[in-house]
Amino acid sequence: MTMDIQKYRNQLNSSSPKFNMVPFIDILFTILIFLVVTSTFQVADQSAAVTGKPEIDENAGPSEYYLIPVAGLKEVIVNGEDMSRFIRNSAIAVHTRVIDEGELIIKPKEGKIIITSPPDLPINKAVKSPE
């Protein structure tokens, strides 16, 4: 019995090699799981996100006012009274008690800030010109 070698060669040449993706995906996921398990993650400081106030470090010192810059700021209303005269370079300084106990509504498209200050805080102390 003779073997037809030419037919066998033609059959090998005509078939295209196949790549099995299953082991490749297994190895890829194994590497991915290894990287996730061995990585370290930092927890974000939740205190700054809750209050919305900027963080104060030991170099900054205590501050009574926070600077609120708004591009194109034209109008500042405090308890219904216009305090736009305190605007400098599209920014205004707002008292810390207003931020803690009052309400601040910033409307950047209108260039306007509406402030409701605490009842016992005078309007002229709620905002001032930035220094």
N, C-alpha and C. Protein backbone atom coordinates (compact mmCIF):
# COMPACT_ATOMS: atom_id res chain seq x y z
N MET A 1 0.83 -1.16 0.00
CA MET A 1 0.00 0.00 0.00
C MET A 1 0.89 1.23 0.00
N THR A 2 0.68 2.02 -0.98
CA THR A 2 1.49 3.22 -1.13
C THR A 2 0.72 4.44 -0.61
N MET A 3 1.49 5.34 -0.12
CA MET A 3 0.89 6.55 0.44
C MET A 3 1.11 7.69 -0.53
N ASP A 4 0.06 8.46 -0.73
CA ASP A 4 0.14 9.59 -1.65
C ASP A 4 0.62 10.82 -0.88
N ILE A 5 1.90 11.07 -0.94
CA ILE A 5 2.50 12.18 -0.17
C ILE A 5 2.14 13.52 -0.79
N GLN A 6 2.03 13.57 -2.09
CA GLN A 6 1.70 14.82 -2.76
C GLN A 6 0.30 15.30 -2.37
N LYS A 7 -0.63 14.40 -2.27
CA LYS A 7 -1.98 14.76 -1.87
C LYS A 7 -1.98 15.30 -0.44
N TYR A 8 -1.19 14.69 0.43
CA TYR A 8 -1.09 15.13 1.82
C TYR A 8 -0.46 16.53 1.90
N ARG A 9 0.55 16.82 1.11
CA ARG A 9 1.19 18.14 1.08
C ARG A 9 0.22 19.21 0.58
N ASN A 10 -0.51 18.90 -0.47
CA ASN A 10 -1.50 19.85 -1.00
C ASN A 10 -2.57 20.16 0.05
N GLN A 11 -2.97 19.15 0.79
CA GLN A 11 -3.99 19.34 1.82
C GLN A 11 -3.45 20.25 2.93
N LEU A 12 -2.20 20.08 3.31
CA LEU A 12 -1.59 20.93 4.34
C LEU A 12 -1.41 22.37 3.85
N ASN A 13 -1.02 22.55 2.62
CA ASN A 13 -0.81 23.89 2.07
C ASN A 13 -2.11 24.65 1.86
N SER A 14 -3.18 23.95 1.55
CA SER A 14 -4.45 24.62 1.29
C SER A 14 -5.17 25.03 2.58
N SER A 15 -4.91 24.36 3.65
CA SER A 15 -5.60 24.71 4.91
C SER A 15 -4.88 25.88 5.59
N SER A 16 -5.67 26.80 6.12
CA SER A 16 -5.08 27.95 6.81
C SER A 16 -4.98 27.63 8.31
N PRO A 17 -3.96 28.15 8.96
CA PRO A 17 -3.80 27.87 10.39
C PRO A 17 -4.90 28.56 11.20
N LYS A 18 -5.32 27.93 12.27
CA LYS A 18 -6.36 28.48 13.12
C LYS A 18 -5.75 28.82 14.48
N PHE A 19 -6.17 29.94 14.99
CA PHE A 19 -5.67 30.41 16.28
C PHE A 19 -6.79 30.23 17.29
N ASN A 20 -6.55 29.48 18.33
CA ASN A 20 -7.55 29.23 19.36
C ASN A 20 -7.53 30.40 20.36
N MET A 21 -8.62 31.13 20.46
CA MET A 21 -8.69 32.34 21.30
C MET A 21 -8.95 32.04 22.78
N VAL A 22 -9.46 30.88 23.12
CA VAL A 22 -9.85 30.58 24.50
C VAL A 22 -8.64 30.64 25.45
N PRO A 23 -7.53 29.98 25.15
CA PRO A 23 -6.39 30.09 26.07
C PRO A 23 -5.84 31.52 26.16
N PHE A 24 -5.89 32.23 25.04
CA PHE A 24 -5.41 33.62 25.03
C PHE A 24 -6.25 34.48 25.97
N ILE A 25 -7.57 34.35 25.92
CA ILE A 25 -8.45 35.11 26.80
C ILE A 25 -8.27 34.69 28.24
N ASP A 26 -8.06 33.41 28.51
CA ASP A 26 -7.81 32.94 29.88
C ASP A 26 -6.56 33.59 30.47
N ILE A 27 -5.51 33.62 29.70
CA ILE A 27 -4.26 34.22 30.18
C ILE A 27 -4.43 35.73 30.38
N LEU A 28 -5.12 36.38 29.47
CA LEU A 28 -5.36 37.82 29.58
C LEU A 28 -6.15 38.16 30.85
N PHE A 29 -7.22 37.43 31.13
CA PHE A 29 -8.00 37.68 32.34
C PHE A 29 -7.21 37.35 33.60
N THR A 30 -6.37 36.33 33.56
CA THR A 30 -5.53 36.00 34.71
C THR A 30 -4.59 37.15 35.03
N ILE A 31 -3.98 37.71 34.01
CA ILE A 31 -3.08 38.86 34.22
C ILE A 31 -3.85 40.06 34.74
N LEU A 32 -5.03 40.30 34.19
CA LEU A 32 -5.86 41.41 34.64
C LEU A 32 -6.26 41.26 36.11
N ILE A 33 -6.69 40.07 36.50
CA ILE A 33 -7.06 39.82 37.90
C ILE A 33 -5.86 40.00 38.81
N PHE A 34 -4.71 39.53 38.39
CA PHE A 34 -3.49 39.70 39.19
C PHE A 34 -3.17 41.18 39.40
N LEU A 35 -3.29 41.98 38.34
CA LEU A 35 -2.99 43.40 38.47
C LEU A 35 -3.99 44.12 39.38
N VAL A 36 -5.25 43.78 39.29
CA VAL A 36 -6.26 44.41 40.14
C VAL A 36 -6.07 44.03 41.60
N VAL A 37 -5.77 42.77 41.87
CA VAL A 37 -5.61 42.30 43.25
C VAL A 37 -4.36 42.89 43.89
N THR A 38 -3.30 43.04 43.13
CA THR A 38 -2.05 43.54 43.71
C THR A 38 -1.96 45.07 43.73
N SER A 39 -2.90 45.76 43.11
CA SER A 39 -2.87 47.22 43.10
C SER A 39 -3.34 47.77 44.45
N THR A 40 -2.88 48.98 44.75
CA THR A 40 -3.35 49.66 45.95
C THR A 40 -4.17 50.86 45.51
N PHE A 41 -5.24 51.12 46.24
CA PHE A 41 -6.13 52.22 45.92
C PHE A 41 -6.18 53.17 47.11
N GLN A 42 -6.24 54.48 46.81
CA GLN A 42 -6.36 55.48 47.86
C GLN A 42 -7.81 55.90 47.98
N VAL A 43 -8.24 56.09 49.21
CA VAL A 43 -9.59 56.57 49.45
C VAL A 43 -9.55 58.09 49.41
N ALA A 44 -10.47 58.69 48.65
CA ALA A 44 -10.52 60.15 48.55
C ALA A 44 -10.99 60.74 49.87
N ASP A 45 -10.50 61.94 50.18
CA ASP A 45 -10.89 62.62 51.40
C ASP A 45 -12.34 63.07 51.27
N GLN A 46 -13.22 62.48 52.06
CA GLN A 46 -14.64 62.76 51.94
C GLN A 46 -15.04 64.07 52.63
N SER A 47 -14.23 64.59 53.54
CA SER A 47 -14.62 65.80 54.27
C SER A 47 -14.71 67.01 53.34
N ALA A 48 -13.81 67.14 52.39
CA ALA A 48 -13.85 68.27 51.46
C ALA A 48 -15.02 68.15 50.49
N ALA A 49 -15.37 66.92 50.10
CA ALA A 49 -16.47 66.73 49.16
C ALA A 49 -17.82 67.01 49.82
N VAL A 50 -17.93 66.76 51.11
CA VAL A 50 -19.21 66.94 51.79
C VAL A 50 -19.54 68.41 51.97
N THR A 51 -18.56 69.22 52.41
CA THR A 51 -18.83 70.62 52.69
C THR A 51 -18.74 71.48 51.45
N GLY A 52 -17.91 71.09 50.49
CA GLY A 52 -17.74 71.90 49.30
C GLY A 52 -16.75 73.03 49.51
N LYS A 53 -16.21 73.16 50.71
CA LYS A 53 -15.25 74.23 50.98
C LYS A 53 -13.86 73.77 50.59
N PRO A 54 -12.99 74.71 50.19
CA PRO A 54 -11.63 74.32 49.86
C PRO A 54 -10.88 73.89 51.10
N GLU A 55 -9.90 73.02 50.89
CA GLU A 55 -9.09 72.55 52.00
C GLU A 55 -8.11 73.64 52.43
N ILE A 56 -7.96 73.79 53.73
CA ILE A 56 -7.04 74.78 54.26
C ILE A 56 -5.88 74.03 54.89
N ASP A 57 -4.67 74.32 54.44
CA ASP A 57 -3.51 73.69 55.04
C ASP A 57 -2.88 74.62 56.06
N GLU A 58 -1.84 74.15 56.73
CA GLU A 58 -1.22 74.96 57.79
C GLU A 58 -0.54 76.21 57.26
N ASN A 59 -0.23 76.28 55.97
CA ASN A 59 0.40 77.46 55.40
C ASN A 59 -0.60 78.56 55.09
N ALA A 60 -1.86 78.19 54.84
CA ALA A 60 -2.85 79.17 54.45
C ALA A 60 -3.35 79.99 55.64
N GLY A 61 -3.45 79.37 56.80
CA GLY A 61 -3.95 80.08 57.97
C GLY A 61 -5.46 80.22 57.94
N PRO A 62 -6.03 80.67 59.04
CA PRO A 62 -7.48 80.82 59.07
C PRO A 62 -7.93 81.97 58.19
N SER A 63 -9.10 81.82 57.60
CA SER A 63 -9.62 82.84 56.72
C SER A 63 -11.08 83.10 57.06
N GLU A 64 -11.46 84.37 57.04
CA GLU A 64 -12.85 84.72 57.30
C GLU A 64 -13.67 84.75 56.02
N TYR A 65 -13.00 84.91 54.87
CA TYR A 65 -13.68 85.03 53.59
C TYR A 65 -13.08 84.05 52.59
N TYR A 66 -13.93 83.55 51.71
CA TYR A 66 -13.50 82.71 50.59
C TYR A 66 -13.71 83.47 49.30
N LEU A 67 -12.76 83.35 48.41
CA LEU A 67 -12.83 84.01 47.11
C LEU A 67 -13.65 83.13 46.17
N ILE A 68 -14.68 83.71 45.57
CA ILE A 68 -15.54 82.99 44.62
C ILE A 68 -15.37 83.66 43.24
N PRO A 69 -14.54 83.07 42.36
CA PRO A 69 -14.41 83.62 41.01
C PRO A 69 -15.45 83.02 40.07
N VAL A 70 -16.06 83.88 39.27
CA VAL A 70 -17.02 83.45 38.25
C VAL A 70 -16.70 84.25 36.99
N ALA A 71 -16.43 83.56 35.90
CA ALA A 71 -16.09 84.26 34.65
C ALA A 71 -17.26 85.14 34.23
N GLY A 72 -16.98 86.41 33.99
CA GLY A 72 -18.00 87.34 33.54
C GLY A 72 -18.99 87.73 34.63
N LEU A 73 -18.56 87.73 35.88
CA LEU A 73 -19.44 88.08 36.99
C LEU A 73 -19.84 89.55 36.90
N LYS A 74 -21.16 89.80 36.87
CA LYS A 74 -21.67 91.16 36.73
C LYS A 74 -22.56 91.58 37.89
N GLU A 75 -23.17 90.60 38.57
CA GLU A 75 -24.17 90.95 39.57
C GLU A 75 -24.08 90.02 40.78
N VAL A 76 -24.13 90.63 41.98
CA VAL A 76 -24.16 89.88 43.23
C VAL A 76 -25.33 90.41 44.05
N ILE A 77 -26.24 89.53 44.41
CA ILE A 77 -27.42 89.89 45.18
C ILE A 77 -27.32 89.19 46.53
N VAL A 78 -27.38 89.98 47.64
CA VAL A 78 -27.34 89.43 48.99
C VAL A 78 -28.66 89.78 49.67
N ASN A 79 -29.43 88.76 50.02
CA ASN A 79 -30.74 88.94 50.67
C ASN A 79 -31.60 89.96 49.92
N GLY A 80 -31.57 89.92 48.61
CA GLY A 80 -32.38 90.81 47.79
C GLY A 80 -31.76 92.17 47.53
N GLU A 81 -30.60 92.46 48.09
CA GLU A 81 -29.95 93.76 47.89
C GLU A 81 -28.75 93.60 46.96
N ASP A 82 -28.60 94.54 46.03
CA ASP A 82 -27.51 94.50 45.05
C ASP A 82 -26.19 94.89 45.71
N MET A 83 -25.22 93.98 45.67
CA MET A 83 -23.89 94.22 46.24
C MET A 83 -22.82 94.10 45.15
N SER A 84 -23.17 94.47 43.93
CA SER A 84 -22.26 94.32 42.79
C SER A 84 -21.06 95.25 42.89
N ARG A 85 -21.12 96.25 43.73
CA ARG A 85 -19.99 97.19 43.85
C ARG A 85 -18.74 96.52 44.44
N PHE A 86 -18.90 95.36 45.05
CA PHE A 86 -17.76 94.65 45.63
C PHE A 86 -17.05 93.71 44.65
N ILE A 87 -17.53 93.61 43.43
CA ILE A 87 -16.92 92.71 42.44
C ILE A 87 -15.59 93.30 41.96
N ARG A 88 -14.54 92.49 41.99
CA ARG A 88 -13.22 92.86 41.47
C ARG A 88 -12.68 91.71 40.64
N ASN A 89 -12.35 91.99 39.40
CA ASN A 89 -11.78 90.99 38.48
C ASN A 89 -12.65 89.73 38.40
N SER A 90 -13.95 89.90 38.26
CA SER A 90 -14.91 88.80 38.14
C SER A 90 -14.89 87.86 39.34
N ALA A 91 -14.63 88.41 40.53
CA ALA A 91 -14.61 87.60 41.75
C ALA A 91 -15.17 88.42 42.91
N ILE A 92 -15.60 87.71 43.94
CA ILE A 92 -16.11 88.35 45.15
C ILE A 92 -15.70 87.49 46.34
N ALA A 93 -15.47 88.14 47.48
CA ALA A 93 -15.12 87.43 48.70
C ALA A 93 -16.39 87.23 49.52
N VAL A 94 -16.66 85.97 49.88
CA VAL A 94 -17.87 85.62 50.62
C VAL A 94 -17.49 85.13 52.01
N HIS A 95 -18.20 85.59 53.02
CA HIS A 95 -17.93 85.24 54.42
C HIS A 95 -18.11 83.73 54.63
N THR A 96 -17.30 83.14 55.51
CA THR A 96 -17.37 81.70 55.77
C THR A 96 -18.71 81.28 56.35
N ARG A 97 -19.35 82.14 57.14
CA ARG A 97 -20.65 81.79 57.71
C ARG A 97 -21.72 81.69 56.63
N VAL A 98 -21.59 82.48 55.58
CA VAL A 98 -22.54 82.39 54.47
C VAL A 98 -22.41 81.03 53.80
N ILE A 99 -21.18 80.57 53.63
CA ILE A 99 -20.95 79.27 52.99
C ILE A 99 -21.42 78.14 53.90
N ASP A 100 -21.18 78.26 55.22
CA ASP A 100 -21.57 77.21 56.16
C ASP A 100 -23.07 77.19 56.44
N GLU A 101 -23.66 78.36 56.71
CA GLU A 101 -25.03 78.42 57.20
C GLU A 101 -26.02 79.01 56.20
N GLY A 102 -25.53 79.73 55.22
CA GLY A 102 -26.42 80.38 54.25
C GLY A 102 -26.58 79.57 52.99
N GLU A 103 -26.93 80.27 51.93
CA GLU A 103 -27.14 79.63 50.64
C GLU A 103 -26.47 80.45 49.55
N LEU A 104 -25.81 79.77 48.64
CA LEU A 104 -25.08 80.41 47.54
C LEU A 104 -25.59 79.80 46.23
N ILE A 105 -26.14 80.61 45.36
CA ILE A 105 -26.59 80.14 44.05
C ILE A 105 -25.76 80.87 43.01
N ILE A 106 -24.98 80.10 42.25
CA ILE A 106 -24.12 80.69 41.22
C ILE A 106 -24.74 80.38 39.86
N LYS A 107 -24.99 81.43 39.09
CA LYS A 107 -25.54 81.29 37.74
C LYS A 107 -24.50 81.82 36.75
N PRO A 108 -23.58 80.95 36.30
CA PRO A 108 -22.47 81.42 35.46
C PRO A 108 -22.90 81.96 34.11
N LYS A 109 -23.96 81.42 33.54
CA LYS A 109 -24.40 81.89 32.22
C LYS A 109 -24.92 83.32 32.29
N GLU A 110 -25.51 83.68 33.43
CA GLU A 110 -26.03 85.03 33.61
C GLU A 110 -25.01 85.96 34.26
N GLY A 111 -23.89 85.41 34.75
CA GLY A 111 -22.89 86.21 35.45
C GLY A 111 -23.44 86.75 36.76
N LYS A 112 -24.10 85.88 37.50
CA LYS A 112 -24.83 86.33 38.69
C LYS A 112 -24.62 85.36 39.84
N ILE A 113 -24.53 85.91 41.06
CA ILE A 113 -24.49 85.12 42.29
C ILE A 113 -25.61 85.63 43.18
N ILE A 114 -26.44 84.71 43.68
CA ILE A 114 -27.51 85.06 44.61
C ILE A 114 -27.17 84.43 45.95
N ILE A 115 -27.08 85.27 46.99
CA ILE A 115 -26.66 84.83 48.31
C ILE A 115 -27.77 85.07 49.31
N THR A 116 -28.04 84.08 50.14
CA THR A 116 -28.92 84.23 51.29
C THR A 116 -28.05 84.02 52.51
N SER A 117 -27.82 85.09 53.27
CA SER A 117 -26.93 85.01 54.43
C SER A 117 -27.70 84.60 55.67
N PRO A 118 -27.01 84.14 56.73
CA PRO A 118 -27.69 83.83 57.98
C PRO A 118 -28.37 85.08 58.54
N PRO A 119 -29.47 84.94 59.28
CA PRO A 119 -30.24 86.10 59.73
C PRO A 119 -29.45 87.07 60.61
N ASP A 120 -28.53 86.57 61.43
CA ASP A 120 -27.81 87.47 62.34
C ASP A 120 -26.53 88.05 61.74
N LEU A 121 -26.22 87.74 60.48
CA LEU A 121 -25.02 88.28 59.82
C LEU A 121 -25.43 89.50 58.99
N PRO A 122 -24.85 90.67 59.28
CA PRO A 122 -25.20 91.86 58.49
C PRO A 122 -24.84 91.69 57.01
N ILE A 123 -25.62 92.32 56.16
CA ILE A 123 -25.41 92.20 54.71
C ILE A 123 -24.05 92.75 54.31
N ASN A 124 -23.61 93.83 54.94
CA ASN A 124 -22.33 94.42 54.56
C ASN A 124 -21.15 93.56 54.99
N LYS A 125 -21.33 92.57 55.87
CA LYS A 125 -20.26 91.64 56.23
C LYS A 125 -20.32 90.34 55.44
N ALA A 126 -21.45 90.07 54.78
CA ALA A 126 -21.61 88.83 54.04
C ALA A 126 -20.66 88.74 52.86
N VAL A 127 -20.42 89.86 52.19
CA VAL A 127 -19.48 89.91 51.06
C VAL A 127 -18.59 91.12 51.20
N LYS A 128 -17.42 91.02 50.54
CA LYS A 128 -16.53 92.17 50.47
C LYS A 128 -15.70 92.05 49.21
N SER A 129 -14.95 93.11 48.91
CA SER A 129 -14.10 93.11 47.73
C SER A 129 -12.89 92.20 47.98
N PRO A 130 -12.50 91.40 47.01
CA PRO A 130 -11.30 90.58 47.17
C PRO A 130 -10.06 91.47 47.28
N GLU A 131 -9.13 91.04 48.07
CA GLU A 131 -7.89 91.81 48.27
C GLU A 131 -6.80 91.32 47.35
